[in-house]
Amino acid sequence: MGYFPCAPLGPTLAVSLQLLGLCIPPNTSAWCESLEAYLAAMGYEVDTKEGICQRFSNAYHWYCILETSLDEYVQQQLQESASPPSNIPSAIPLPSSPDNDVLSSKMRPSEYLQQHCPLCFGGQSWQSNNSEHGFSDVDAIVCIDACFTQKCRSGHPDDPVNPTATVFLSQEDICAMEHEVNELQKSKSSTQRRSGQPLKKNYLGDGEDEFEEGMRITVSVLKGYNESFTAADERHQKASTQFFSDTGVMALLCHHDCVIYLANMTSAGERQHYALALIKSLFFHLPDNFHIGLLYDIGCQLEQSCRKWGFLKSFLPHISFAISVFLAFGHQWACQLIYHP
């Protein structure tokens, strides 16, 4: 009849498919309250206990899943129709899904990246295209940041598995990176304790200060950021893990604001392994000679951790770290000289 129900059995609200097909604003609560006020003025009473919002949101949620499932089905059929017959060997296997995109060649970015931003990763000459945009040292620019307003309460049953067309990293990948970070820190700490090897030193004009190997700003400058930036202090709690199972989201975007990957955060603070997992997933889809510019509010701290503990060791020569311009002037002048974009 052209309506989508709010529940599969005994629905108490059905929403027009034409309405659901429109671009619904994210603030559905305000929209539903306005609708209730309009209906009340017309003499129609709405159940004041539950209201429309929860039922409308449920209908819209599953309608979106239906649309995504349809898109996936169409893409699957197109891939199957493009595949050669089974008796003809294929030189380049087609990827089964974006998340399991096994690159047949490292000569160009993967189809997953090309679909998310053709300007950064698509085209026949993506390297020359980026050079024309003024990126002389890097092939593409990406940025990372965390948002702790996107939470999920604990104790609620999970939805059925949503379609696989998602930009979220799997929890297994995030946990694997957290384990890798912990192991590298333990191994490096024990090695340094046994050897007693001091840091490299450089003598400045106003006294002695220390440079860690590979860094271009001193340790004293980096230490001050734990007090100035909460993102630099992993122990700072931004959300309660007692009430929320998911405390926030960390995103990796290209400079055209296209989402490349998202990581679901489950810790109280902004831990580095989320950013590292996002970067590692990005490089899985890039050719070996690809160089990225990485913007992060505490890009200086992230580079220090990578060089100190050996994080992302194989990818580090292909990353130019910088600080997001919004917070660049919150850093000390010595840091701005190196990391200002």
Protein backbone atom coordinates (compact mmCIF):
# COMPACT_ATOMS: atom_id res chain seq x y z
CA MET A 1 0.00 0.00 0.00
CA GLY A 2 3.04 2.28 -0.13
CA TYR A 3 3.79 2.37 3.61
CA PHE A 4 6.64 0.98 5.67
CA PRO A 5 5.80 -0.40 9.16
CA CYS A 6 7.65 0.42 12.38
CA ALA A 7 7.61 -3.27 13.41
CA PRO A 8 7.30 -6.59 11.56
CA LEU A 9 4.38 -7.74 13.75
CA GLY A 10 1.53 -5.59 15.07
CA PRO A 11 2.90 -2.22 13.91
CA THR A 12 1.29 0.84 15.47
CA LEU A 13 2.73 3.26 12.89
CA ALA A 14 3.39 3.08 9.17
CA VAL A 15 5.30 5.73 7.24
CA SER A 16 4.90 6.67 3.59
CA LEU A 17 7.66 5.31 1.36
CA GLN A 18 7.74 8.68 -0.40
CA LEU A 19 8.59 10.39 2.89
CA LEU A 20 11.23 7.82 3.80
CA GLY A 21 12.77 8.21 0.35
CA LEU A 22 13.43 11.90 1.01
CA CYS A 23 16.62 13.13 2.63
CA ILE A 24 15.55 12.89 6.28
CA PRO A 25 17.44 15.28 8.60
CA PRO A 26 19.47 13.65 11.38
CA ASN A 27 17.37 15.38 14.06
CA THR A 28 14.30 13.17 13.70
CA SER A 29 13.24 13.99 17.28
CA ALA A 30 12.51 17.62 16.40
CA TRP A 31 10.72 16.59 13.21
CA CYS A 32 8.51 14.11 15.08
CA GLU A 33 7.71 16.64 17.81
CA SER A 34 6.66 19.16 15.16
CA LEU A 35 4.44 16.54 13.53
CA GLU A 36 2.83 15.69 16.87
CA ALA A 37 2.13 19.37 17.52
CA TYR A 38 0.61 19.73 14.06
CA LEU A 39 -1.63 16.69 14.56
CA ALA A 40 -2.67 17.93 18.01
CA ALA A 41 -3.71 21.26 16.49
CA MET A 42 -5.85 19.31 13.99
CA GLY A 43 -7.57 17.48 16.85
CA TYR A 44 -5.68 14.17 16.58
CA GLU A 45 -4.20 12.92 19.84
CA VAL A 46 -0.94 10.97 19.80
CA ASP A 47 0.05 8.49 22.49
CA THR A 48 1.93 10.86 24.81
CA LYS A 49 3.83 8.06 26.57
CA GLU A 50 5.70 6.72 23.55
CA GLY A 51 5.06 9.37 20.93
CA ILE A 52 6.00 9.02 17.28
CA CYS A 53 9.78 9.43 17.44
CA GLN A 54 10.83 5.92 18.48
CA ARG A 55 8.48 4.22 16.03
CA PHE A 56 9.36 6.59 13.19
CA SER A 57 13.10 6.11 13.82
CA ASN A 58 12.67 2.33 13.77
CA ALA A 59 10.82 2.45 10.45
CA TYR A 60 13.45 4.76 8.95
CA HIS A 61 16.33 2.60 10.25
CA TRP A 62 15.04 -0.59 8.64
CA TYR A 63 14.02 1.21 5.47
CA CYS A 64 17.65 2.36 5.11
CA ILE A 65 18.83 -1.21 5.66
CA LEU A 66 16.41 -2.41 2.98
CA GLU A 67 17.82 0.16 0.53
CA THR A 68 21.41 -0.82 1.35
CA SER A 69 20.58 -4.51 0.92
CA LEU A 70 19.08 -3.74 -2.47
CA ASP A 71 22.19 -1.82 -3.57
CA GLU A 72 24.39 -4.71 -2.42
CA TYR A 73 22.29 -7.22 -4.33
CA VAL A 74 22.54 -5.15 -7.53
CA GLN A 75 26.33 -4.77 -7.15
CA GLN A 76 26.69 -8.50 -6.54
CA GLN A 77 24.71 -9.31 -9.68
CA LEU A 78 26.81 -6.87 -11.71
CA GLN A 79 30.04 -8.44 -10.45
CA GLU A 80 28.81 -11.94 -11.22
CA SER A 81 27.73 -10.93 -14.72
CA ALA A 82 31.14 -9.30 -15.31
CA SER A 83 33.02 -12.40 -14.16
CA PRO A 84 34.39 -14.67 -16.92
CA PRO A 85 32.96 -18.19 -17.27
CA SER A 86 34.43 -20.77 -14.92
CA ASN A 87 36.25 -22.56 -17.72
CA ILE A 88 38.17 -19.38 -18.64
CA PRO A 89 40.96 -18.44 -16.20
CA SER A 90 40.93 -14.84 -14.98
CA ALA A 91 44.21 -12.94 -14.77
CA ILE A 92 42.86 -10.45 -12.22
CA PRO A 93 40.38 -11.85 -9.65
CA LEU A 94 37.42 -9.63 -8.77
CA PRO A 95 37.18 -8.62 -5.11
CA SER A 96 34.29 -10.22 -3.23
CA SER A 97 33.64 -7.17 -1.06
CA PRO A 98 35.31 -3.87 -0.22
CA ASP A 99 36.39 -5.04 3.22
CA ASN A 100 38.10 -8.13 1.79
CA ASP A 101 39.58 -6.33 -1.19
CA VAL A 102 42.70 -8.33 -2.01
CA LEU A 103 44.63 -6.18 -4.42
CA SER A 104 45.73 -8.01 -7.53
CA SER A 105 48.19 -5.22 -8.26
CA LYS A 106 49.83 -2.55 -6.11
CA MET A 107 50.11 -0.19 -9.07
CA ARG A 108 47.09 1.93 -8.12
CA PRO A 109 44.62 2.49 -5.23
CA SER A 110 41.98 -0.17 -4.73
CA GLU A 111 38.44 -0.07 -6.08
CA TYR A 112 37.23 0.54 -2.52
CA LEU A 113 39.14 3.84 -2.33
CA GLN A 114 38.23 4.83 -5.88
CA GLN A 115 34.55 4.42 -5.07
CA HIS A 116 34.80 6.51 -1.90
CA CYS A 117 36.73 9.39 -3.50
CA PRO A 118 37.45 9.27 -7.23
CA LEU A 119 39.21 12.66 -7.01
CA CYS A 120 41.88 11.40 -4.60
CA PHE A 121 42.23 7.79 -5.68
CA GLY A 122 40.53 7.35 -9.07
CA GLY A 123 41.32 8.11 -12.66
CA GLN A 124 44.00 6.77 -14.92
CA SER A 125 46.63 9.26 -13.73
CA TRP A 126 45.80 9.83 -10.06
CA GLN A 127 49.38 10.87 -9.23
CA SER A 128 49.52 13.65 -11.82
CA ASN A 129 46.01 14.80 -10.84
CA ASN A 130 47.10 15.32 -7.24
CA SER A 131 50.24 17.14 -8.38
CA GLU A 132 48.03 19.59 -10.26
CA HIS A 133 46.19 20.34 -6.99
CA GLY A 134 49.44 21.49 -5.40
CA PHE A 135 50.37 18.29 -3.56
CA SER A 136 54.01 18.18 -4.56
CA ASP A 137 55.22 15.94 -1.71
CA VAL A 138 52.18 13.72 -1.13
CA ASP A 139 49.74 11.85 -3.34
CA ALA A 140 46.69 12.47 -1.13
CA ILE A 141 45.81 14.22 2.12
CA VAL A 142 43.72 12.55 4.84
CA CYS A 143 42.67 13.62 8.32
CA ILE A 144 41.77 11.85 11.56
CA ASP A 145 39.64 13.00 14.47
CA ALA A 146 37.46 11.53 17.22
CA CYS A 147 33.91 12.41 18.26
CA PHE A 148 32.68 11.44 21.71
CA THR A 149 29.06 12.54 21.22
CA GLN A 150 28.20 9.41 19.22
CA LYS A 151 27.57 6.91 22.01
CA CYS A 152 25.66 3.66 22.42
CA ARG A 153 24.15 2.74 25.79
CA SER A 154 25.09 -0.52 27.48
CA GLY A 155 22.57 -3.25 28.16
CA HIS A 156 20.52 -2.92 24.97
CA PRO A 157 20.25 -5.97 22.68
CA ASP A 158 22.16 -5.65 19.44
CA ASP A 159 20.33 -5.24 16.16
CA PRO A 160 20.48 -8.12 13.69
CA VAL A 161 23.61 -7.98 11.56
CA ASN A 162 23.32 -5.04 9.20
CA PRO A 163 24.40 -5.25 5.56
CA THR A 164 28.13 -5.42 4.93
CA ALA A 165 28.31 -2.14 2.97
CA THR A 166 29.94 -0.35 5.89
CA VAL A 167 32.95 1.88 6.43
CA PHE A 168 33.42 0.70 10.03
CA LEU A 169 36.51 -1.31 10.87
CA SER A 170 35.78 -4.70 12.39
CA GLN A 171 36.24 -5.05 16.13
CA GLU A 172 38.76 -7.81 15.43
CA ASP A 173 41.01 -5.42 13.48
CA ILE A 174 40.85 -2.81 16.25
CA CYS A 175 41.62 -5.38 18.97
CA ALA A 176 44.49 -6.76 16.90
CA MET A 177 46.04 -3.29 16.64
CA GLU A 178 45.58 -2.70 20.39
CA HIS A 179 47.36 -5.99 21.07
CA GLU A 180 50.16 -5.07 18.64
CA VAL A 181 50.63 -1.68 20.36
CA ASN A 182 50.82 -3.28 23.80
CA GLU A 183 53.30 -5.91 22.66
CA LEU A 184 55.59 -3.41 20.93
CA GLN A 185 55.63 -1.17 24.00
CA LYS A 186 56.46 -4.07 26.30
CA SER A 187 59.19 -5.37 24.01
CA LYS A 188 60.82 -1.97 23.44
CA SER A 189 60.67 -1.06 27.14
CA SER A 190 62.36 -4.28 28.21
CA THR A 191 65.03 -3.86 25.52
CA GLN A 192 65.82 -0.31 26.62
CA ARG A 193 66.01 -1.34 30.27
CA ARG A 194 68.51 -4.09 29.47
CA SER A 195 70.71 -1.94 27.22
CA GLY A 196 70.44 1.32 29.15
CA GLN A 197 70.66 3.18 25.82
CA PRO A 198 70.12 6.95 26.24
CA LEU A 199 68.17 9.19 23.89
CA LYS A 200 69.94 11.09 21.14
CA LYS A 201 70.83 14.58 22.33
CA ASN A 202 71.13 17.91 20.62
CA TYR A 203 72.41 21.10 22.23
CA LEU A 204 70.22 24.15 21.78
CA GLY A 205 71.32 27.75 22.26
CA ASP A 206 69.54 28.15 25.60
CA GLY A 207 70.64 24.89 27.18
CA GLU A 208 70.49 21.18 26.74
CA ASP A 209 67.37 19.43 25.48
CA GLU A 210 66.68 16.03 23.99
CA PHE A 211 65.54 14.83 20.59
CA GLU A 212 64.18 11.32 20.19
CA GLU A 213 65.49 9.51 17.16
CA GLY A 214 63.78 10.65 13.96
CA MET A 215 61.98 13.59 15.62
CA ARG A 216 62.56 17.27 14.82
CA ILE A 217 61.07 18.77 18.00
CA THR A 218 62.35 18.21 21.50
CA VAL A 219 60.98 15.95 24.20
CA SER A 220 60.19 18.90 26.46
CA VAL A 221 57.87 20.39 23.82
CA LEU A 222 56.02 17.11 23.36
CA LYS A 223 55.62 16.53 27.09
CA GLY A 224 53.68 19.76 27.51
CA TYR A 225 50.81 18.58 25.33
CA ASN A 226 49.44 16.13 27.88
CA GLU A 227 48.33 19.17 29.87
CA SER A 228 47.15 21.29 26.93
CA PHE A 229 45.33 18.69 24.83
CA THR A 230 43.02 16.01 26.21
CA ALA A 231 43.50 14.04 22.98
CA ALA A 232 47.18 13.65 23.90
CA ASP A 233 46.35 12.22 27.34
CA GLU A 234 45.08 8.67 26.87
CA ARG A 235 44.17 8.46 30.56
CA HIS A 236 41.74 11.39 30.30
CA GLN A 237 38.18 10.03 30.42
CA LYS A 238 35.84 11.56 27.86
CA ALA A 239 32.99 9.07 28.23
CA SER A 240 31.83 6.56 30.81
CA THR A 241 32.35 2.89 29.98
CA GLN A 242 29.92 2.04 32.79
CA PHE A 243 26.91 3.44 30.96
CA PHE A 244 28.05 3.22 27.33
CA SER A 245 29.23 0.20 25.38
CA ASP A 246 30.40 2.47 22.53
CA THR A 247 31.93 5.72 23.76
CA GLY A 248 32.53 7.45 20.44
CA VAL A 249 33.71 7.26 16.84
CA MET A 250 37.07 8.02 15.23
CA ALA A 251 37.01 8.88 11.53
CA LEU A 252 39.49 8.89 8.66
CA LEU A 253 38.48 11.25 5.83
CA CYS A 254 40.14 12.49 2.67
CA HIS A 255 40.49 16.25 2.10
CA HIS A 256 37.23 16.25 0.11
CA ASP A 257 35.39 15.21 3.32
CA CYS A 258 34.69 11.72 1.97
CA VAL A 259 34.64 9.11 4.73
CA ILE A 260 37.25 6.40 4.13
CA TYR A 261 36.97 4.46 7.40
CA LEU A 262 35.36 4.74 10.84
CA ALA A 263 36.44 3.05 14.07
CA ASN A 264 34.01 2.34 16.89
CA MET A 265 35.58 3.46 20.18
CA THR A 266 34.94 1.48 23.34
CA SER A 267 37.49 3.07 25.69
CA ALA A 268 36.95 6.06 27.97
CA GLY A 269 39.72 8.10 26.31
CA GLU A 270 41.22 8.76 22.88
CA ARG A 271 43.62 5.83 22.58
CA GLN A 272 46.23 5.80 19.81
CA HIS A 273 45.47 2.29 18.57
CA TYR A 274 42.24 3.54 16.95
CA ALA A 275 44.15 6.02 14.76
CA LEU A 276 46.81 3.40 14.00
CA ALA A 277 44.16 0.87 12.95
CA LEU A 278 42.59 3.42 10.59
CA ILE A 279 45.95 4.28 9.00
CA LYS A 280 46.93 0.63 8.59
CA SER A 281 43.59 -0.16 6.90
CA LEU A 282 44.12 2.76 4.51
CA PHE A 283 47.57 1.56 3.44
CA PHE A 284 46.20 -1.91 2.76
CA HIS A 285 44.38 -0.36 -0.21
CA LEU A 286 47.28 1.78 -1.50
CA PRO A 287 50.17 1.01 -3.87
CA ASP A 288 53.64 0.65 -2.40
CA ASN A 289 54.85 4.05 -3.66
CA PHE A 290 51.85 6.04 -2.39
CA HIS A 291 52.65 8.91 0.00
CA ILE A 292 49.95 10.47 2.21
CA GLY A 293 49.79 13.69 4.19
CA LEU A 294 48.17 12.94 7.57
CA LEU A 295 46.40 15.69 9.53
CA TYR A 296 45.65 15.06 13.21
CA ASP A 297 45.15 17.37 16.19
CA ILE A 298 48.14 15.73 17.86
CA GLY A 299 50.04 14.62 14.76
CA CYS A 300 53.32 15.42 16.51
CA GLN A 301 52.47 13.04 19.36
CA LEU A 302 51.40 10.31 16.95
CA GLU A 303 54.66 10.52 14.98
CA GLN A 304 56.66 10.40 18.22
CA SER A 305 54.85 7.24 19.31
CA CYS A 306 55.38 5.61 15.91
CA ARG A 307 59.13 6.32 15.94
CA LYS A 308 59.61 5.53 19.61
CA TRP A 309 57.75 2.22 19.72
CA GLY A 310 57.91 1.08 16.08
CA PHE A 311 54.21 1.49 15.21
CA LEU A 312 53.41 1.35 11.46
CA LYS A 313 57.09 0.75 10.79
CA SER A 314 56.70 -0.28 7.15
CA PHE A 315 54.33 2.62 6.37
CA LEU A 316 56.16 5.39 8.25
CA PRO A 317 58.39 6.47 5.31
CA HIS A 318 55.19 7.08 3.30
CA ILE A 319 53.53 9.41 5.85
CA SER A 320 54.00 13.15 6.28
CA PHE A 321 52.53 14.13 9.66
CA ALA A 322 50.89 17.51 10.25
CA ILE A 323 48.55 19.16 12.74
CA SER A 324 44.98 20.00 11.75
CA VAL A 325 44.89 23.73 11.04
CA PHE A 326 42.00 24.27 13.48
CA LEU A 327 44.31 23.49 16.40
CA ALA A 328 47.70 24.32 14.89
CA PHE A 329 48.07 27.59 16.79
CA GLY A 330 47.37 25.81 20.06
CA HIS A 331 50.77 24.13 19.69
CA GLN A 332 54.07 25.72 20.66
CA TRP A 333 56.00 27.69 18.05
CA ALA A 334 58.68 25.01 17.75
CA CYS A 335 56.00 22.47 16.88
CA GLN A 336 54.27 24.82 14.41
CA LEU A 337 57.51 25.25 12.47
CA ILE A 338 57.53 21.52 11.71
CA TYR A 339 53.87 20.42 11.74
CA HIS A 340 51.79 23.42 10.66
CA PRO A 341 50.05 22.34 7.41
